[in-house]
C-alpha atoms as a PDB file:
ATOM      1  CA  MET A   1       6.250   8.394  -5.704  1.00  0.00           C
ATOM      2  CA  MET A   2       3.150  10.616  -5.324  1.00  0.00           C
ATOM      3  CA  GLN A   3       5.037  13.271  -3.290  1.00  0.00           C
ATOM      4  CA  GLU A   4       7.728  13.859  -6.028  1.00  0.00           C
ATOM      5  CA  GLY A   5       5.297  13.847  -8.767  1.00  0.00           C
ATOM      6  CA  ILE A   6       5.601  11.918 -12.074  1.00  0.00           C
ATOM      7  CA  GLU A   7       7.425  14.520 -13.951  1.00  0.00           C
ATOM      8  CA  SER A   8      10.261  14.645 -11.362  1.00  0.00           C
ATOM      9  CA  VAL A   9      10.277  10.737 -11.334  1.00  0.00           C
ATOM     10  CA  LYS A  10      10.577  10.965 -15.188  1.00  0.00           C
ATOM     11  CA  GLU A  11      13.614  13.490 -15.167  1.00  0.00           C
ATOM     12  CA  LYS A  12      15.439  11.328 -12.484  1.00  0.00           C
ATOM     13  CA  LEU A  13      14.971   8.324 -14.879  1.00  0.00           C
ATOM     14  CA  LEU A  14      16.456  10.155 -17.794  1.00  0.00           C
ATOM     15  CA  GLU A  15      19.355  11.500 -15.864  1.00  0.00           C
ATOM     16  CA  LYS A  16      20.134   8.106 -14.636  1.00  0.00           C
ATOM     17  CA  ILE A  17      19.963   6.075 -17.937  1.00  0.00           C
ATOM     18  CA  THR A  18      21.958   9.010 -19.748  1.00  0.00           C
ATOM     19  CA  ASP A  19      25.143   7.614 -18.220  1.00  0.00           C
ATOM     20  CA  LEU A  20      24.518   4.048 -19.116  1.00  0.00           C
ATOM     21  CA  PRO A  21      26.238   2.025 -21.706  1.00  0.00           C
ATOM     22  CA  GLU A  22      24.383   1.053 -24.598  1.00  0.00           C
ATOM     23  CA  SER A  23      24.117  -2.587 -23.603  1.00  0.00           C
ATOM     24  CA  ARG A  24      22.594  -1.724 -20.368  1.00  0.00           C
ATOM     25  CA  LEU A  25      20.068   0.830 -22.270  1.00  0.00           C
ATOM     26  CA  GLN A  26      18.745  -2.236 -24.136  1.00  0.00           C
ATOM     27  CA  GLU A  27      18.368  -4.136 -20.895  1.00  0.00           C
ATOM     28  CA  VAL A  28      16.230  -1.051 -19.408  1.00  0.00           C
ATOM     29  CA  LEU A  29      14.343  -0.926 -22.642  1.00  0.00           C
ATOM     30  CA  ASP A  30      13.455  -4.715 -22.148  1.00  0.00           C
ATOM     31  CA  PHE A  31      12.425  -4.307 -18.614  1.00  0.00           C
ATOM     32  CA  VAL A  32      10.416  -1.315 -19.426  1.00  0.00           C
ATOM     33  CA  ASP A  33       8.514  -3.407 -22.252  1.00  0.00           C
ATOM     34  CA  PHE A  34       8.224  -6.302 -19.713  1.00  0.00           C
ATOM     35  CA  LEU A  35       6.381  -3.896 -17.200  1.00  0.00           C
ATOM     36  CA  ARG A  36       4.127  -2.383 -19.944  1.00  0.00           C
ATOM     37  CA  SER A  37       3.199  -5.991 -21.107  1.00  0.00           C
ATOM     38  CA  ARG A  38       2.211  -7.063 -17.451  1.00  0.00           C
ATOM     39  CA  GLY A  39      -0.307  -4.396 -17.231  1.00  0.00           C
ATOM     40  CA  VAL A  40      -2.725  -4.120 -14.225  1.00  0.00           C
ATOM     41  CA  ASN A  41      -5.700  -6.523 -14.101  1.00  0.00           C
ATOM     42  CA  ASP A  42      -8.195  -4.963 -11.665  1.00  0.00           C
ATOM     43  CA  ASP A  43     -10.751  -7.652 -12.510  1.00  0.00           C
ATOM     44  CA  ASP A  44      -8.697 -10.657 -10.782  1.00  0.00           C
ATOM     45  CA  PRO A  45     -11.381 -12.629  -8.678  1.00  0.00           C
ATOM     46  CA  ILE A  46      -8.707 -13.635  -6.343  1.00  0.00           C
ATOM     47  CA  LEU A  47      -8.236 -10.078  -5.360  1.00  0.00           C
ATOM     48  CA  LYS A  48     -11.892  -9.335  -4.979  1.00  0.00           C
ATOM     49  CA  VAL A  49     -12.116 -12.142  -2.424  1.00  0.00           C
ATOM     50  CA  ALA A  50      -8.991 -11.245  -0.560  1.00  0.00           C
ATOM     51  CA  GLY A  51     -10.463  -7.896   0.085  1.00  0.00           C
ATOM     52  CA  CYS A  52     -13.454  -9.658   1.847  1.00  0.00           C
ATOM     53  CA  LEU A  53     -10.828 -11.595   4.178  1.00  0.00           C
ATOM     54  CA  SER A  54     -10.324  -8.697   6.491  1.00  0.00           C
ATOM     55  CA  GLY A  55     -14.010  -8.707   7.575  1.00  0.00           C
ATOM     56  CA  SER A  56     -16.185 -11.440   8.592  1.00  0.00           C
ATOM     57  CA  PRO A  57     -15.462 -14.994   7.486  1.00  0.00           C
ATOM     58  CA  LEU A  58     -16.838 -16.326   4.251  1.00  0.00           C
ATOM     59  CA  SER A  59     -18.321 -19.476   3.632  1.00  0.00           C
ATOM     60  CA  VAL A  60     -16.936 -21.953   1.016  1.00  0.00           C
ATOM     61  CA  HIS A  61     -20.126 -21.136  -0.938  1.00  0.00           C
ATOM     62  CA  GLU A  62     -19.661 -17.400  -0.869  1.00  0.00           C
ATOM     63  CA  ILE A  63     -15.952 -17.556  -1.710  1.00  0.00           C
ATOM     64  CA  GLU A  64     -16.944 -19.816  -4.928  1.00  0.00           C
ATOM     65  CA  GLU A  65     -19.449 -17.538  -5.619  1.00  0.00           C
ATOM     66  CA  ASN A  66     -17.427 -14.365  -5.629  1.00  0.00           C
ATOM     67  CA  LEU A  67     -14.505 -16.318  -7.504  1.00  0.00           C
ATOM     68  CA  TYR A  68     -16.708 -17.957 -10.243  1.00  0.00           C
ATOM     69  CA  GLY A  69     -20.086 -16.294 -10.093  1.00  0.00           C
ATOM     70  CA  SER A  70     -23.441 -17.880  -9.461  1.00  0.00           C
ATOM     71  CA  LYS A  71     -23.452 -21.162 -11.383  1.00  0.00           C
ATOM     72  CA  GLY A  72     -26.552 -22.720  -9.613  1.00  0.00           C
ATOM     73  CA  VAL A  73     -24.264 -25.220  -7.797  1.00  0.00           C
END
């Protein structure tokens, strides 16, 4: 998608939805609303730990510390 540019993608979307019947347009709108409501959560602790998995192994304590923070356990 980066190669085409965001404006080109928007233009293609507009071209494709122009020919859709009204009932399908509502489906497209619902889907877009769904995508927007999901958002992007970069603060997911699971994703932070997953990035570490490509390197050296972590102990259970290190994984829990990454997931839940230091709680003095």
